Amino acid sequence: QVQLVESGGGLVQNGGSLRLSCAAEGVDVSKNIMTWYRQLPGKHRELVAGISSRGRTNYTDPVRGRFTISRDIAKNTVDLQMNSLKSTDTAVYYCNAVVRQSSSHYTSYWGQGTQVTVSS
């Protein structure tokens, strides 16, 4: 059974920092594609950052240089360190895992989301 649980969201001031964590069950974060998405108010869900099984990372332009995605293998978690937060970062943040079931079958899993609110 696969379950992703996000935590660490909250209310912070503009310029502040926050660290999100995604606890994964049934998914090995070191062997699958792990990503963070966010859904801004009134908008579709968008990719924030991703990390591959080989540790390569990518970021969407608005967060590059401010956010850092990482893995904690011992805890089997995927974290998102968010610095220099802006009001435009306010969103529900979701953890996602893409699990390879076979050579041609992949399954995408989502957490329940955690709210991040940045006050001006």
C-alpha atoms as a PDB file:
ATOM      1  CA  GLN A   1       0.000   0.000   0.000  1.00  0.00           C
ATOM      2  CA  VAL A   2       1.330   3.424  -0.986  1.00  0.00           C
ATOM      3  CA  GLN A   3       0.767   6.470   1.147  1.00  0.00           C
ATOM      4  CA  LEU A   4       2.326   9.918   1.009  1.00  0.00           C
ATOM      5  CA  VAL A   5       1.848  12.304   3.905  1.00  0.00           C
ATOM      6  CA  GLU A   6       2.995  15.909   3.746  1.00  0.00           C
ATOM      7  CA  SER A   7       3.773  18.003   6.780  1.00  0.00           C
ATOM      8  CA  GLY A   8       5.465  21.261   7.682  1.00  0.00           C
ATOM      9  CA  GLY A   9       3.089  23.740   6.142  1.00  0.00           C
ATOM     10  CA  GLY A  10       1.956  26.817   7.957  1.00  0.00           C
ATOM     11  CA  LEU A  11       1.875  30.581   8.035  1.00  0.00           C
ATOM     12  CA  VAL A  12       5.097  32.512   7.542  1.00  0.00           C
ATOM     13  CA  GLN A  13       6.014  36.088   6.820  1.00  0.00           C
ATOM     14  CA  ASN A  14       7.365  37.340   3.544  1.00  0.00           C
ATOM     15  CA  GLY A  15      11.067  36.474   3.364  1.00  0.00           C
ATOM     16  CA  GLY A  16      10.758  33.643   5.844  1.00  0.00           C
ATOM     17  CA  SER A  17      11.585  29.970   5.520  1.00  0.00           C
ATOM     18  CA  LEU A  18       9.683  26.744   5.805  1.00  0.00           C
ATOM     19  CA  ARG A  19      10.595  23.099   5.433  1.00  0.00           C
ATOM     20  CA  LEU A  20       8.110  20.598   4.097  1.00  0.00           C
ATOM     21  CA  SER A  21       8.461  16.875   4.516  1.00  0.00           C
ATOM     22  CA  CYS A  22       6.833  14.014   2.657  1.00  0.00           C
ATOM     23  CA  ALA A  23       6.734  10.730   4.525  1.00  0.00           C
ATOM     24  CA  ALA A  24       6.434   7.836   2.120  1.00  0.00           C
ATOM     25  CA  GLU A  25       5.054   4.391   2.803  1.00  0.00           C
ATOM     26  CA  GLY A  26       5.229   1.682   0.189  1.00  0.00           C
ATOM     27  CA  VAL A  27       7.529   3.835  -1.941  1.00  0.00           C
ATOM     28  CA  ASP A  28      11.303   3.849  -1.826  1.00  0.00           C
ATOM     29  CA  VAL A  29      12.289   7.482  -2.287  1.00  0.00           C
ATOM     30  CA  SER A  30      15.725   6.441  -3.491  1.00  0.00           C
ATOM     31  CA  LYS A  31      14.380   4.341  -6.341  1.00  0.00           C
ATOM     32  CA  ASN A  32      11.515   6.396  -7.683  1.00  0.00           C
ATOM     33  CA  ILE A  33      10.835   9.824  -9.103  1.00  0.00           C
ATOM     34  CA  MET A  34       9.749  12.109  -6.298  1.00  0.00           C
ATOM     35  CA  THR A  35       8.324  15.556  -6.847  1.00  0.00           C
ATOM     36  CA  TRP A  36       6.658  18.447  -5.132  1.00  0.00           C
ATOM     37  CA  TYR A  37       3.747  20.208  -6.760  1.00  0.00           C
ATOM     38  CA  ARG A  38       1.719  23.142  -5.620  1.00  0.00           C
ATOM     39  CA  GLN A  39      -1.697  24.486  -6.384  1.00  0.00           C
ATOM     40  CA  LEU A  40      -2.031  28.231  -6.159  1.00  0.00           C
ATOM     41  CA  PRO A  41      -5.456  29.636  -5.348  1.00  0.00           C
ATOM     42  CA  GLY A  42      -7.634  29.488  -8.423  1.00  0.00           C
ATOM     43  CA  LYS A  43      -4.983  27.765 -10.543  1.00  0.00           C
ATOM     44  CA  HIS A  44      -4.064  24.278 -11.687  1.00  0.00           C
ATOM     45  CA  ARG A  45      -1.493  22.202  -9.916  1.00  0.00           C
ATOM     46  CA  GLU A  46       2.048  22.933 -11.071  1.00  0.00           C
ATOM     47  CA  LEU A  47       5.412  21.259 -10.677  1.00  0.00           C
ATOM     48  CA  VAL A  48       7.705  22.863  -8.124  1.00  0.00           C
ATOM     49  CA  ALA A  49      10.688  20.556  -7.866  1.00  0.00           C
ATOM     50  CA  GLY A  50      11.677  17.001  -8.615  1.00  0.00           C
ATOM     51  CA  ILE A  51      14.402  14.547  -7.773  1.00  0.00           C
ATOM     52  CA  SER A  52      15.288  11.395  -9.666  1.00  0.00           C
ATOM     53  CA  SER A  53      16.495   8.058  -8.395  1.00  0.00           C
ATOM     54  CA  ARG A  54      20.005   9.191  -9.272  1.00  0.00           C
ATOM     55  CA  GLY A  55      19.655  12.350  -7.231  1.00  0.00           C
ATOM     56  CA  ARG A  56      19.305  14.780 -10.113  1.00  0.00           C
ATOM     57  CA  THR A  57      17.061  17.702  -9.323  1.00  0.00           C
ATOM     58  CA  ASN A  58      15.035  20.194 -11.277  1.00  0.00           C
ATOM     59  CA  TYR A  59      13.048  23.255 -10.333  1.00  0.00           C
ATOM     60  CA  THR A  60      10.496  25.519 -11.838  1.00  0.00           C
ATOM     61  CA  ASP A  61      11.911  28.944 -12.595  1.00  0.00           C
ATOM     62  CA  PRO A  62       9.971  30.889  -9.931  1.00  0.00           C
ATOM     63  CA  VAL A  63      11.536  28.838  -7.116  1.00  0.00           C
ATOM     64  CA  ARG A  64      14.989  28.114  -8.489  1.00  0.00           C
ATOM     65  CA  GLY A  65      17.628  29.383  -6.104  1.00  0.00           C
ATOM     66  CA  ARG A  66      15.157  29.624  -3.233  1.00  0.00           C
ATOM     67  CA  PHE A  67      13.824  26.074  -2.869  1.00  0.00           C
ATOM     68  CA  THR A  68      15.801  22.882  -2.434  1.00  0.00           C
ATOM     69  CA  ILE A  69      14.448  19.362  -2.797  1.00  0.00           C
ATOM     70  CA  SER A  70      16.257  16.547  -1.033  1.00  0.00           C
ATOM     71  CA  ARG A  71      15.869  12.991   0.183  1.00  0.00           C
ATOM     72  CA  ASP A  72      16.443  11.455   3.558  1.00  0.00           C
ATOM     73  CA  ILE A  73      17.070   7.810   2.754  1.00  0.00           C
ATOM     74  CA  ALA A  74      17.113   6.685   6.380  1.00  0.00           C
ATOM     75  CA  LYS A  75      13.712   8.227   7.045  1.00  0.00           C
ATOM     76  CA  ASN A  76      12.398   7.541   3.544  1.00  0.00           C
ATOM     77  CA  THR A  77      11.214  11.107   3.187  1.00  0.00           C
ATOM     78  CA  VAL A  78      11.423  13.793   0.545  1.00  0.00           C
ATOM     79  CA  ASP A  79      11.881  17.305   1.836  1.00  0.00           C
ATOM     80  CA  LEU A  80      11.433  20.733   0.357  1.00  0.00           C
ATOM     81  CA  GLN A  81      13.373  23.540   1.965  1.00  0.00           C
ATOM     82  CA  MET A  82      11.787  26.845   1.060  1.00  0.00           C
ATOM     83  CA  ASN A  83      13.682  30.057   1.682  1.00  0.00           C
ATOM     84  CA  SER A  84      12.976  33.684   0.888  1.00  0.00           C
ATOM     85  CA  LEU A  85       9.302  32.929   0.660  1.00  0.00           C
ATOM     86  CA  LYS A  86       7.043  35.310  -1.189  1.00  0.00           C
ATOM     87  CA  SER A  87       3.336  35.862  -1.048  1.00  0.00           C
ATOM     88  CA  THR A  88       3.145  34.326  -4.515  1.00  0.00           C
ATOM     89  CA  ASP A  89       4.345  31.040  -3.011  1.00  0.00           C
ATOM     90  CA  THR A  90       1.094  30.720  -1.107  1.00  0.00           C
ATOM     91  CA  ALA A  91      -0.448  27.429  -2.166  1.00  0.00           C
ATOM     92  CA  VAL A  92      -1.287  23.907  -1.174  1.00  0.00           C
ATOM     93  CA  TYR A  93       1.837  21.826  -1.634  1.00  0.00           C
ATOM     94  CA  TYR A  94       1.583  18.190  -2.675  1.00  0.00           C
ATOM     95  CA  CYS A  95       4.058  15.358  -2.666  1.00  0.00           C
ATOM     96  CA  ASN A  96       4.019  13.051  -5.660  1.00  0.00           C
ATOM     97  CA  ALA A  97       5.666   9.746  -6.457  1.00  0.00           C
ATOM     98  CA  VAL A  98       5.872   8.049  -9.817  1.00  0.00           C
ATOM     99  CA  VAL A  99       6.370   4.342  -9.325  1.00  0.00           C
ATOM    100  CA  ARG A 100       7.439   2.039 -12.106  1.00  0.00           C
ATOM    101  CA  GLN A 101       5.274  -1.061 -12.001  1.00  0.00           C
ATOM    102  CA  SER A 102       6.854  -2.536 -15.118  1.00  0.00           C
ATOM    103  CA  SER A 103       8.820  -1.409 -18.122  1.00  0.00           C
ATOM    104  CA  SER A 104       5.693   0.201 -19.554  1.00  0.00           C
ATOM    105  CA  HIS A 105       3.480   0.844 -16.560  1.00  0.00           C
ATOM    106  CA  TYR A 106       3.915   3.747 -14.162  1.00  0.00           C
ATOM    107  CA  THR A 107       1.633   4.797 -11.358  1.00  0.00           C
ATOM    108  CA  SER A 108       1.412   8.275  -9.894  1.00  0.00           C
ATOM    109  CA  TYR A 109       0.616   8.742  -6.204  1.00  0.00           C
ATOM    110  CA  TRP A 110      -0.344  11.918  -4.368  1.00  0.00           C
ATOM    111  CA  GLY A 111      -0.340  13.070  -0.800  1.00  0.00           C
ATOM    112  CA  GLN A 112      -3.182  14.986   0.784  1.00  0.00           C
ATOM    113  CA  GLY A 113      -1.387  18.317   0.585  1.00  0.00           C
ATOM    114  CA  THR A 114      -0.212  20.845   3.127  1.00  0.00           C
ATOM    115  CA  GLN A 115      -1.104  24.519   3.151  1.00  0.00           C
ATOM    116  CA  VAL A 116       1.615  27.135   2.923  1.00  0.00           C
ATOM    117  CA  THR A 117       0.585  30.727   3.464  1.00  0.00           C
ATOM    118  CA  VAL A 118       3.013  33.609   3.132  1.00  0.00           C
ATOM    119  CA  SER A 119       1.886  36.943   4.483  1.00  0.00           C
ATOM    120  CA  SER A 120       3.075  40.196   2.975  1.00  0.00           C
END
